[in-house]
Each structure stands twice: as structure tokens, then as C-alpha cells.
Amino acid sequence: MKPNDAPDKWQCVLTCWGTKYGADDINKLITKIANHNHHVARFVVISDRVHKNLDARAEPVALPDVFIKSEFTTGGQCHAKLSMFQKGLLKTDMPAIYIDLDTAILGPIEQAFDFRKDEKSIVMFQSAILPFSAFARLLFRLTKGKRYARGNSSFVVFHPKHWTEIADKFLAIYDAGEFREFRPTISDERYISWFAHDHMIALPNSFAVKFPTEYMQHHAILSYAKACIPWVRRRREKLSVVTLCSLELKPEKLVGLALNTHMSDSKGRVLVWNDFVLGGLRQKLIRYYAQDAAKDA
């Protein structure tokens, strides 16, 4: 049965390890989420360290020792994020939304629960060309799990009571010495997509987008062309979630760029930092991260 509207209460999950992000980043995200949403009951921060001056609304949870491994947390790997599925870390009487710390919350996000088909649904960004669909599920079965639709885990909607096996199975694969040989464990998001393939649902791009995918093309002309499409401009104005995943710049550095700056990322996609290409998002991001930018100036 499809859930009805937003739940009466839900939990927000954040993770933090290493030194790239800290209490200020966590506190900003908590404040933005709390300001836009009425039913968020708790904020769980899973981290490998104690953060001074953490928002009083945050409930610190120690990152389990089994996930504190260099191959889970360095070199762009985020397997430690799978700890949020481990039994006992989250309450099982309410659904959850996980959010990466490099994500801008521009509006209410509770509507994300409406995208589920049922309580076992996992909703996240679509990452590859093959969409989450009946065809992808069929392909998974026909190829015995070798082909499947993949997502991006910057924003994940799930219910903890249904998915502790995600963490259990992953750790079993690691303990068996198959972590590097088993292709789905290349990344946390590939693994989630593979494990829960029958229950995966894509976030609509009228609600949430990955900044590099939505706003950056392989030539600046293409970025301008996409920005000219009327329905694209209308859709972008409604966005509640923009994740800055894969950007080489931290957000507070991004918003300090000079107007009309052109910059390429490691995949050859071009950022055009002006209001024509980015629409109202450029000013929204500047306001969102203005305090951080001022502190670093």
C-alpha cells in the first residue's frame, strides 16, 4: 500500500568523517531542514569524531568501528555511509531521509516520502542511463545481477526497519574478502542500487537535482541552450534540493567565484557562473552560503 502524504514524524540522517566537513556544515543543514519542514522529529549525526559546538538538536552517534576503514572513507569512497542501515543506529518506528553535507536545501523535503510506492521503497537520485523501472528489474534477473539501474546516494529516502540487511550483507562480503572483486561494492550507491533493485525509485528532477548533471554540460554553449528551454527554467525554479556532489570546490568557495567564471570539472563538464545559465539558483546559493563565504574571506 502506498504511504499517505508525509509521515507524522521522520528522522534526518547525516554522516561525517574526516576533516572536510565539520560542525558548521552540519549545523547549517540542520537549520535549513528544520526551517522548511514541520514533521522532522530528530537529527541523527553519524560521525567518527566528537564535534564541538554541534547544534543542540543533533543526536551524535558514533560511526561503528567496522566502518572505520580507509577503503570505506578515503579516495572518494563513501562506503561508511552504509552504516546508517546497521541495526540499532536509527529508530525503526519512523522513516528516514539521508542527506549529504554538500547539499543545499531550498524548500520543504517532506514531500519526498510521497514518491515511495510502499514502506520498503528506497528513493534516490537516478545516476546512470538505465532508469529504475520494470525493465531494469527484468534485466537484473536476466543477467543474474550483472546489469542494474544505479542511483546516487546524496539524498536517500528509506525506512530503517526494512533495510538492516544492506549493512549486514555488505560487511559479510567484506569479511569474505570479496569486497574488491564484487563489482556492486565499488561504491556505496552501486551497492544499495544492486541490493534493493526491486524497490528503487528515482527522485523527480522537479524536486531534486545533482548540480553537475543539471547545470553543467561538456560545452558552455550547451549550458546556455539548456537554460533557454522554458519548461527547464520553470522546473528549476521549483527545486527543493540541489546537491553539489562531485564539485571540486566546497560550496563557500563556489559562491565566491567572479561573475561569468567558466570552470571545467574532472569529467570535462563546464560550469558557467552567471544568472542566465543558472537562473535564480546562483543567487539562492550565494544567500545560502553567504555566511560561510564571509568567514573564509
Foldseek 3Di string as FASTA:
>chain_A
DQDDAFDQAEEEEEEDEDDPDAQVLQQLVVVLQVVFDDHYDAYEYEYCDDGPPHPPRYDYDYQDPLQPDCCCPDPPAPVSVLSVLAPPRDDQPHKYKYAYSQKDFAHHDSRVSNQFRDQAAKEAAFDDPDALDPVQVVVCVVVVLPGHTFGDRNIIIHRSVNGNVLVVVQSVCVVVVCQVVDVQNPHNRSSVCSVSSVRYDYDDLLAEDECCVLQWDLDVVVLLVQLPDVVSLVSLVNYRMYGPPQDPDRLLVVLVDDQQDWDAGPVNTIHGQHCSSNPCVSVVSCVSCVVVNVVVD
